[in-house]
Amino acid sequence: MANNIVNNYSSSIVTMFKEVVKTYEMNLDIIKQTEEELNDLYHECELAGPKDMYKGYLLYVAIREARIRRRTAKEENEMLKDMYDFFQSQQGQAFKSRIQSIQGASVKIRATQEARTYTPRQRNDLTCTDKHSTANRPFEDLLADFNKTKVTVKGGKLRK
């Protein structure tokens, strides 16, 4: 099927909806998991026996890495929150539904456009009868047709 700009834009919008929700909820899982990991590490510090410098350093590194993972997820969700809330709201779901409806209609319109032909109303001597428009044909198809009928000059004479 030829290019359908509305279908492409609609797909991008619907994909954005899905990605924002997926990323936000994945970040919530990361935050929860790292908080539980940090709790384990803090209890290790509190309840386990004293550590030598190397083991203490490894504990510090583990705590630092977990806190950085948590902070990264929290800051990303802080940025995504307004979008996530809108996408999850009734208005957001209605918007997504409308975009999907527009997308479905565009597929039907595009199919109609591709099947559309022209029949002259008054003249019967024209060659465009039952021809499809080339307005939305891919460039490669148009170039291939052009090269089939390309006129060249050889020896001062036009050749087809």
N, C-alpha and C. Protein backbone atom coordinates (compact mmCIF):
# COMPACT_ATOMS: atom_id res chain seq x y z
N MET A 1 0.86 -1.18 0.00
CA MET A 1 0.00 0.00 0.00
C MET A 1 0.89 1.23 0.00
N ALA A 2 0.48 2.20 -0.72
CA ALA A 2 1.27 3.44 -0.83
C ALA A 2 1.28 4.19 0.50
N ASN A 3 2.07 5.22 0.53
CA ASN A 3 2.26 6.02 1.74
C ASN A 3 0.93 6.58 2.26
N ASN A 4 0.69 6.43 3.54
CA ASN A 4 -0.50 6.97 4.19
C ASN A 4 -0.01 7.79 5.38
N ILE A 5 0.13 9.08 5.17
CA ILE A 5 0.72 9.96 6.18
C ILE A 5 -0.08 9.97 7.48
N VAL A 6 -1.39 9.92 7.40
CA VAL A 6 -2.23 9.92 8.61
C VAL A 6 -2.00 8.63 9.39
N ASN A 7 -1.90 7.51 8.69
CA ASN A 7 -1.63 6.23 9.35
C ASN A 7 -0.28 6.28 10.05
N ASN A 8 0.73 6.86 9.40
CA ASN A 8 2.06 6.96 10.00
C ASN A 8 2.03 7.84 11.25
N TYR A 9 1.41 9.01 11.16
CA TYR A 9 1.32 9.90 12.32
C TYR A 9 0.54 9.24 13.46
N SER A 10 -0.57 8.60 13.12
CA SER A 10 -1.40 7.94 14.14
C SER A 10 -0.62 6.84 14.84
N SER A 11 0.12 6.07 14.06
CA SER A 11 0.93 5.00 14.65
C SER A 11 1.96 5.58 15.62
N SER A 12 2.55 6.70 15.25
CA SER A 12 3.54 7.34 16.13
C SER A 12 2.90 7.79 17.43
N ILE A 13 1.72 8.37 17.35
CA ILE A 13 1.03 8.85 18.55
C ILE A 13 0.65 7.68 19.46
N VAL A 14 0.09 6.63 18.87
CA VAL A 14 -0.32 5.46 19.66
C VAL A 14 0.92 4.80 20.28
N THR A 15 2.00 4.72 19.53
CA THR A 15 3.25 4.15 20.06
C THR A 15 3.76 4.99 21.23
N MET A 16 3.67 6.32 21.10
CA MET A 16 4.10 7.20 22.18
C MET A 16 3.27 6.93 23.44
N PHE A 17 1.96 6.78 23.29
CA PHE A 17 1.10 6.46 24.43
C PHE A 17 1.63 5.21 25.13
N LYS A 18 1.83 4.16 24.34
CA LYS A 18 2.26 2.87 24.91
C LYS A 18 3.62 2.99 25.58
N GLU A 19 4.55 3.67 24.95
CA GLU A 19 5.91 3.79 25.47
C GLU A 19 5.96 4.60 26.76
N VAL A 20 5.20 5.68 26.82
CA VAL A 20 5.18 6.50 28.05
C VAL A 20 4.65 5.67 29.21
N VAL A 21 3.54 4.98 29.00
CA VAL A 21 2.94 4.17 30.07
C VAL A 21 3.89 3.04 30.47
N LYS A 22 4.46 2.36 29.47
CA LYS A 22 5.38 1.24 29.75
C LYS A 22 6.61 1.73 30.52
N THR A 23 7.21 2.83 30.09
CA THR A 23 8.41 3.35 30.73
C THR A 23 8.12 3.80 32.16
N TYR A 24 7.02 4.52 32.33
CA TYR A 24 6.66 5.02 33.66
C TYR A 24 6.46 3.86 34.63
N GLU A 25 5.71 2.85 34.20
CA GLU A 25 5.42 1.71 35.08
C GLU A 25 6.67 0.86 35.31
N MET A 26 7.54 0.74 34.31
CA MET A 26 8.80 0.02 34.48
C MET A 26 9.67 0.75 35.51
N ASN A 27 9.68 2.08 35.44
CA ASN A 27 10.44 2.86 36.42
C ASN A 27 9.89 2.67 37.83
N LEU A 28 8.58 2.57 37.96
CA LEU A 28 8.00 2.29 39.28
C LEU A 28 8.51 0.97 39.82
N ASP A 29 8.60 -0.04 38.95
CA ASP A 29 9.14 -1.34 39.36
C ASP A 29 10.61 -1.23 39.77
N ILE A 30 11.38 -0.46 39.01
CA ILE A 30 12.81 -0.27 39.34
C ILE A 30 12.94 0.42 40.70
N ILE A 31 12.13 1.43 40.94
CA ILE A 31 12.18 2.15 42.22
C ILE A 31 11.86 1.19 43.36
N LYS A 32 10.81 0.41 43.21
CA LYS A 32 10.41 -0.54 44.26
C LYS A 32 11.50 -1.57 44.51
N GLN A 33 12.05 -2.11 43.43
CA GLN A 33 13.08 -3.14 43.56
C GLN A 33 14.34 -2.58 44.21
N THR A 34 14.74 -1.37 43.81
CA THR A 34 15.97 -0.80 44.40
C THR A 34 15.76 -0.39 45.86
N GLU A 35 14.56 0.05 46.20
CA GLU A 35 14.29 0.36 47.60
C GLU A 35 14.38 -0.89 48.46
N GLU A 36 13.88 -2.01 47.94
CA GLU A 36 13.99 -3.28 48.67
C GLU A 36 15.45 -3.73 48.76
N GLU A 37 16.21 -3.54 47.69
CA GLU A 37 17.64 -3.87 47.69
C GLU A 37 18.39 -3.00 48.70
N LEU A 38 18.07 -1.70 48.70
CA LEU A 38 18.72 -0.80 49.66
C LEU A 38 18.39 -1.20 51.10
N ASN A 39 17.15 -1.59 51.32
CA ASN A 39 16.75 -2.04 52.66
C ASN A 39 17.60 -3.23 53.08
N ASP A 40 17.82 -4.18 52.14
CA ASP A 40 18.68 -5.33 52.44
C ASP A 40 20.10 -4.87 52.77
N LEU A 41 20.64 -3.96 51.98
CA LEU A 41 22.00 -3.48 52.19
C LEU A 41 22.13 -2.73 53.52
N TYR A 42 21.14 -1.91 53.87
CA TYR A 42 21.16 -1.19 55.14
C TYR A 42 21.11 -2.18 56.31
N HIS A 43 20.31 -3.22 56.17
CA HIS A 43 20.24 -4.22 57.23
C HIS A 43 21.57 -4.98 57.35
N GLU A 44 22.23 -5.18 56.23
CA GLU A 44 23.56 -5.81 56.26
C GLU A 44 24.50 -4.93 57.09
N CYS A 45 24.46 -3.62 56.85
CA CYS A 45 25.31 -2.70 57.61
C CYS A 45 24.96 -2.73 59.10
N GLU A 46 23.65 -2.79 59.37
CA GLU A 46 23.19 -2.70 60.76
C GLU A 46 23.40 -4.00 61.53
N LEU A 47 23.08 -5.12 60.91
CA LEU A 47 22.99 -6.38 61.66
C LEU A 47 24.21 -7.30 61.51
N ALA A 48 24.95 -7.18 60.43
CA ALA A 48 26.09 -8.08 60.22
C ALA A 48 27.28 -7.59 61.03
N GLY A 49 28.25 -8.44 61.14
CA GLY A 49 29.46 -8.08 61.87
C GLY A 49 30.26 -7.02 61.12
N PRO A 50 31.20 -6.42 61.80
CA PRO A 50 32.04 -5.39 61.18
C PRO A 50 32.75 -5.92 59.92
N LYS A 51 32.99 -5.03 58.99
CA LYS A 51 33.61 -5.38 57.72
C LYS A 51 35.02 -4.81 57.67
N ASP A 52 35.88 -5.48 56.91
CA ASP A 52 37.18 -4.88 56.67
C ASP A 52 37.01 -3.78 55.63
N MET A 53 38.06 -3.05 55.32
CA MET A 53 37.94 -1.90 54.41
C MET A 53 37.43 -2.31 53.03
N TYR A 54 37.92 -3.40 52.50
CA TYR A 54 37.53 -3.82 51.15
C TYR A 54 36.05 -4.19 51.11
N LYS A 55 35.59 -5.00 52.07
CA LYS A 55 34.17 -5.40 52.10
C LYS A 55 33.27 -4.19 52.40
N GLY A 56 33.74 -3.29 53.21
CA GLY A 56 32.99 -2.06 53.47
C GLY A 56 32.88 -1.21 52.21
N TYR A 57 33.97 -1.15 51.46
CA TYR A 57 33.95 -0.40 50.19
C TYR A 57 32.97 -1.04 49.20
N LEU A 58 32.97 -2.38 49.11
CA LEU A 58 32.04 -3.08 48.21
C LEU A 58 30.58 -2.80 48.61
N LEU A 59 30.32 -2.73 49.90
CA LEU A 59 28.97 -2.40 50.38
C LEU A 59 28.61 -0.97 50.00
N TYR A 60 29.56 -0.07 50.15
CA TYR A 60 29.35 1.32 49.74
C TYR A 60 29.04 1.39 48.23
N VAL A 61 29.80 0.68 47.41
CA VAL A 61 29.59 0.69 45.96
C VAL A 61 28.21 0.15 45.62
N ALA A 62 27.80 -0.92 46.27
CA ALA A 62 26.47 -1.52 46.01
C ALA A 62 25.36 -0.53 46.38
N ILE A 63 25.51 0.15 47.52
CA ILE A 63 24.51 1.14 47.94
C ILE A 63 24.47 2.29 46.94
N ARG A 64 25.64 2.77 46.55
CA ARG A 64 25.72 3.91 45.62
C ARG A 64 25.07 3.56 44.27
N GLU A 65 25.39 2.38 43.72
CA GLU A 65 24.82 1.97 42.43
C GLU A 65 23.29 1.84 42.51
N ALA A 66 22.80 1.27 43.60
CA ALA A 66 21.35 1.14 43.77
C ALA A 66 20.68 2.51 43.88
N ARG A 67 21.31 3.42 44.62
CA ARG A 67 20.73 4.77 44.75
C ARG A 67 20.74 5.52 43.43
N ILE A 68 21.77 5.34 42.62
CA ILE A 68 21.82 5.99 41.31
C ILE A 68 20.74 5.41 40.39
N ARG A 69 20.56 4.10 40.40
CA ARG A 69 19.48 3.48 39.60
C ARG A 69 18.12 4.03 40.02
N ARG A 70 17.92 4.12 41.33
CA ARG A 70 16.65 4.63 41.87
C ARG A 70 16.46 6.10 41.47
N ARG A 71 17.49 6.91 41.61
CA ARG A 71 17.40 8.34 41.29
C ARG A 71 17.10 8.54 39.81
N THR A 72 17.76 7.76 38.95
CA THR A 72 17.53 7.86 37.50
C THR A 72 16.07 7.57 37.17
N ALA A 73 15.52 6.50 37.74
CA ALA A 73 14.12 6.14 37.49
C ALA A 73 13.17 7.20 38.05
N LYS A 74 13.47 7.72 39.24
CA LYS A 74 12.61 8.74 39.84
C LYS A 74 12.60 10.03 39.01
N GLU A 75 13.78 10.45 38.55
CA GLU A 75 13.84 11.68 37.76
C GLU A 75 13.15 11.53 36.42
N GLU A 76 13.29 10.36 35.80
CA GLU A 76 12.60 10.13 34.53
C GLU A 76 11.09 10.14 34.75
N ASN A 77 10.63 9.51 35.81
CA ASN A 77 9.19 9.52 36.10
C ASN A 77 8.68 10.91 36.46
N GLU A 78 9.53 11.69 37.09
CA GLU A 78 9.16 13.07 37.41
C GLU A 78 8.86 13.83 36.10
N MET A 79 9.67 13.57 35.08
CA MET A 79 9.46 14.20 33.77
C MET A 79 8.21 13.64 33.08
N LEU A 80 7.98 12.33 33.19
CA LEU A 80 6.88 11.67 32.48
C LEU A 80 5.53 11.78 33.18
N LYS A 81 5.51 12.19 34.43
CA LYS A 81 4.29 12.13 35.25
C LYS A 81 3.08 12.80 34.61
N ASP A 82 3.23 14.03 34.12
CA ASP A 82 2.08 14.73 33.54
C ASP A 82 1.55 13.99 32.31
N MET A 83 2.46 13.50 31.47
CA MET A 83 2.03 12.74 30.29
C MET A 83 1.35 11.44 30.71
N TYR A 84 1.97 10.74 31.64
CA TYR A 84 1.41 9.48 32.12
C TYR A 84 0.01 9.69 32.69
N ASP A 85 -0.13 10.70 33.55
CA ASP A 85 -1.44 10.97 34.15
C ASP A 85 -2.48 11.29 33.08
N PHE A 86 -2.10 12.09 32.08
CA PHE A 86 -3.04 12.40 31.00
C PHE A 86 -3.39 11.16 30.20
N PHE A 87 -2.39 10.38 29.84
CA PHE A 87 -2.64 9.18 29.02
C PHE A 87 -3.50 8.16 29.76
N GLN A 88 -3.40 8.13 31.08
CA GLN A 88 -4.19 7.19 31.87
C GLN A 88 -5.58 7.74 32.19
N SER A 89 -5.78 9.04 32.01
CA SER A 89 -7.07 9.66 32.34
C SER A 89 -8.13 9.29 31.30
N GLN A 90 -9.37 9.60 31.64
CA GLN A 90 -10.47 9.35 30.71
C GLN A 90 -10.29 10.17 29.43
N GLN A 91 -9.85 11.42 29.58
CA GLN A 91 -9.61 12.27 28.41
C GLN A 91 -8.52 11.69 27.52
N GLY A 92 -7.45 11.23 28.15
CA GLY A 92 -6.33 10.64 27.40
C GLY A 92 -6.76 9.39 26.65
N GLN A 93 -7.53 8.54 27.31
CA GLN A 93 -8.01 7.32 26.66
C GLN A 93 -8.97 7.65 25.52
N ALA A 94 -9.79 8.68 25.70
CA ALA A 94 -10.71 9.12 24.63
C ALA A 94 -9.90 9.66 23.45
N PHE A 95 -8.84 10.41 23.73
CA PHE A 95 -7.97 10.94 22.68
C PHE A 95 -7.32 9.79 21.90
N LYS A 96 -6.78 8.82 22.62
CA LYS A 96 -6.13 7.67 21.98
C LYS A 96 -7.14 6.92 21.11
N SER A 97 -8.33 6.74 21.63
CA SER A 97 -9.40 6.06 20.88
C SER A 97 -9.73 6.81 19.60
N ARG A 98 -9.81 8.12 19.71
CA ARG A 98 -10.12 8.95 18.54
C ARG A 98 -9.01 8.86 17.50
N ILE A 99 -7.76 8.89 17.94
CA ILE A 99 -6.62 8.76 17.02
C ILE A 99 -6.69 7.40 16.31
N GLN A 100 -7.00 6.35 17.04
CA GLN A 100 -7.09 5.02 16.42
C GLN A 100 -8.25 4.96 15.43
N SER A 101 -9.33 5.65 15.74
CA SER A 101 -10.46 5.72 14.82
C SER A 101 -10.08 6.46 13.54
N ILE A 102 -9.37 7.58 13.70
CA ILE A 102 -8.90 8.35 12.55
C ILE A 102 -7.94 7.49 11.71
N GLN A 103 -7.10 6.75 12.39
CA GLN A 103 -6.15 5.88 11.70
C GLN A 103 -6.90 4.83 10.87
N GLY A 104 -7.91 4.22 11.45
CA GLY A 104 -8.70 3.22 10.72
C GLY A 104 -9.40 3.82 9.52
N ALA A 105 -9.94 5.02 9.70
CA ALA A 105 -10.61 5.69 8.58
C ALA A 105 -9.62 6.04 7.48
N SER A 106 -8.40 6.41 7.85
CA SER A 106 -7.40 6.78 6.85
C SER A 106 -7.02 5.58 5.99
N VAL A 107 -7.01 4.40 6.57
CA VAL A 107 -6.69 3.19 5.80
C VAL A 107 -7.78 2.96 4.75
N LYS A 108 -9.03 3.15 5.14
CA LYS A 108 -10.14 2.98 4.19
C LYS A 108 -10.09 4.04 3.09
N ILE A 109 -9.82 5.29 3.49
CA ILE A 109 -9.73 6.38 2.50
C ILE A 109 -8.60 6.10 1.52
N ARG A 110 -7.46 5.65 2.04
CA ARG A 110 -6.30 5.37 1.18
C ARG A 110 -6.62 4.26 0.20
N ALA A 111 -7.32 3.22 0.65
CA ALA A 111 -7.71 2.12 -0.24
C ALA A 111 -8.63 2.64 -1.34
N THR A 112 -9.55 3.52 -0.98
CA THR A 112 -10.45 4.12 -1.97
C THR A 112 -9.65 4.95 -2.97
N GLN A 113 -8.70 5.73 -2.49
CA GLN A 113 -7.89 6.56 -3.37
C GLN A 113 -7.08 5.70 -4.34
N GLU A 114 -6.55 4.59 -3.87
CA GLU A 114 -5.74 3.73 -4.73
C GLU A 114 -6.58 3.05 -5.80
N ALA A 115 -7.84 2.80 -5.49
CA ALA A 115 -8.71 2.13 -6.46
C ALA A 115 -9.41 3.12 -7.40
N ARG A 116 -9.32 4.39 -7.12
CA ARG A 116 -10.01 5.42 -7.88
C ARG A 116 -9.44 5.51 -9.30
N THR A 117 -10.36 5.52 -10.25
CA THR A 117 -9.97 5.71 -11.66
C THR A 117 -10.79 6.85 -12.24
N TYR A 118 -10.38 7.30 -13.39
CA TYR A 118 -11.10 8.39 -14.04
C TYR A 118 -11.72 7.90 -15.33
N THR A 119 -12.96 8.27 -15.52
CA THR A 119 -13.66 8.02 -16.78
C THR A 119 -14.14 9.36 -17.30
N PRO A 120 -13.69 9.73 -18.52
CA PRO A 120 -14.12 11.03 -19.08
C PRO A 120 -15.64 11.11 -19.18
N ARG A 121 -16.17 12.30 -18.96
CA ARG A 121 -17.61 12.51 -18.96
C ARG A 121 -18.14 12.88 -20.35
N GLN A 122 -17.35 13.60 -21.11
CA GLN A 122 -17.82 14.08 -22.40
C GLN A 122 -17.05 13.49 -23.58
N ARG A 123 -15.77 13.31 -23.39
CA ARG A 123 -14.94 12.89 -24.52
C ARG A 123 -14.64 11.41 -24.44
N ASN A 124 -14.73 10.76 -25.57
CA ASN A 124 -14.44 9.33 -25.58
C ASN A 124 -13.16 9.02 -26.36
N ASP A 125 -12.43 10.06 -26.75
CA ASP A 125 -11.20 9.87 -27.51
C ASP A 125 -9.95 9.99 -26.63
N LEU A 126 -10.12 10.09 -25.33
CA LEU A 126 -8.98 10.28 -24.43
C LEU A 126 -8.44 8.92 -23.95
N THR A 127 -7.16 8.91 -23.61
CA THR A 127 -6.53 7.65 -23.19
C THR A 127 -6.46 7.48 -21.68
N CYS A 128 -7.02 8.43 -20.93
CA CYS A 128 -6.93 8.34 -19.47
C CYS A 128 -8.08 7.52 -18.87
N THR A 129 -8.91 6.92 -19.69
CA THR A 129 -10.04 6.14 -19.20
C THR A 129 -9.55 4.99 -18.31
N ASP A 130 -10.15 4.89 -17.15
CA ASP A 130 -9.86 3.83 -16.17
C ASP A 130 -8.40 3.81 -15.70
N LYS A 131 -7.74 4.95 -15.71
CA LYS A 131 -6.36 5.05 -15.22
C LYS A 131 -6.37 5.50 -13.76
N HIS A 132 -5.37 5.01 -13.02
CA HIS A 132 -5.20 5.41 -11.63
C HIS A 132 -4.29 6.62 -11.57
N SER A 133 -4.49 7.44 -10.55
CA SER A 133 -3.63 8.60 -10.33
C SER A 133 -2.24 8.12 -9.91
N THR A 134 -1.24 8.85 -10.35
CA THR A 134 0.13 8.52 -9.94
C THR A 134 0.61 9.45 -8.82
N ALA A 135 -0.29 10.25 -8.28
CA ALA A 135 0.09 11.25 -7.27
C ALA A 135 0.76 10.62 -6.05
N ASN A 136 0.32 9.45 -5.65
CA ASN A 136 0.86 8.84 -4.44
C ASN A 136 1.69 7.60 -4.70
N ARG A 137 2.08 7.39 -5.95
CA ARG A 137 2.92 6.24 -6.24
C ARG A 137 4.32 6.48 -5.71
N PRO A 138 4.96 5.46 -5.20
CA PRO A 138 6.34 5.63 -4.74
C PRO A 138 7.24 6.08 -5.89
N PHE A 139 8.23 6.88 -5.58
CA PHE A 139 9.15 7.41 -6.56
C PHE A 139 9.81 6.29 -7.38
N GLU A 140 10.14 5.20 -6.73
CA GLU A 140 10.81 4.10 -7.43
C GLU A 140 9.93 3.55 -8.56
N ASP A 141 8.61 3.45 -8.32
CA ASP A 141 7.68 2.98 -9.36
C ASP A 141 7.62 3.97 -10.52
N LEU A 142 7.55 5.25 -10.18
CA LEU A 142 7.50 6.27 -11.23
C LEU A 142 8.77 6.26 -12.06
N LEU A 143 9.92 6.10 -11.41
CA LEU A 143 11.20 6.07 -12.11
C LEU A 143 11.29 4.85 -13.02
N ALA A 144 10.83 3.71 -12.55
CA ALA A 144 10.85 2.49 -13.37
C ALA A 144 9.98 2.67 -14.62
N ASP A 145 8.79 3.25 -14.46
CA ASP A 145 7.93 3.51 -15.62
C ASP A 145 8.58 4.51 -16.56
N PHE A 146 9.22 5.52 -16.03
CA PHE A 146 9.90 6.51 -16.86
C PHE A 146 11.01 5.85 -17.68
N ASN A 147 11.78 5.01 -17.03
CA ASN A 147 12.89 4.36 -17.72
C ASN A 147 12.41 3.41 -18.81
N LYS A 148 11.22 2.85 -18.66
CA LYS A 148 10.66 1.97 -19.70
C LYS A 148 10.35 2.75 -20.97
N THR A 149 9.90 3.98 -20.82
CA THR A 149 9.49 4.78 -21.98
C THR A 149 10.45 5.91 -22.28
N LYS A 150 11.61 5.88 -21.68
CA LYS A 150 12.60 6.93 -21.83
C LYS A 150 13.03 7.05 -23.29
N VAL A 151 13.05 8.27 -23.77
CA VAL A 151 13.44 8.55 -25.15
C VAL A 151 14.92 8.96 -25.15
N THR A 152 15.68 8.39 -26.05
CA THR A 152 17.09 8.74 -26.17
C THR A 152 17.39 9.18 -27.59
N VAL A 153 18.54 9.77 -27.75
CA VAL A 153 18.96 10.22 -29.08
C VAL A 153 20.17 9.38 -29.46
N LYS A 154 20.07 8.72 -30.63
CA LYS A 154 21.19 7.94 -31.14
C LYS A 154 21.35 8.29 -32.62
N GLY A 155 22.53 8.71 -32.97
CA GLY A 155 22.79 9.06 -34.37
C GLY A 155 21.90 10.17 -34.87
N GLY A 156 21.53 11.10 -33.99
CA GLY A 156 20.69 12.22 -34.42
C GLY A 156 19.23 11.88 -34.54
N LYS A 157 18.84 10.62 -34.17
CA LYS A 157 17.43 10.21 -34.26
C LYS A 157 16.91 9.85 -32.87
N LEU A 158 15.65 10.16 -32.66
CA LEU A 158 15.01 9.81 -31.39
C LEU A 158 14.74 8.31 -31.35
N ARG A 159 15.06 7.72 -30.25
CA ARG A 159 14.83 6.28 -30.04
C ARG A 159 14.05 6.09 -28.76
N LYS A 160 13.21 5.12 -28.79
CA LYS A 160 12.41 4.82 -27.61
C LYS A 160 13.00 3.62 -26.91
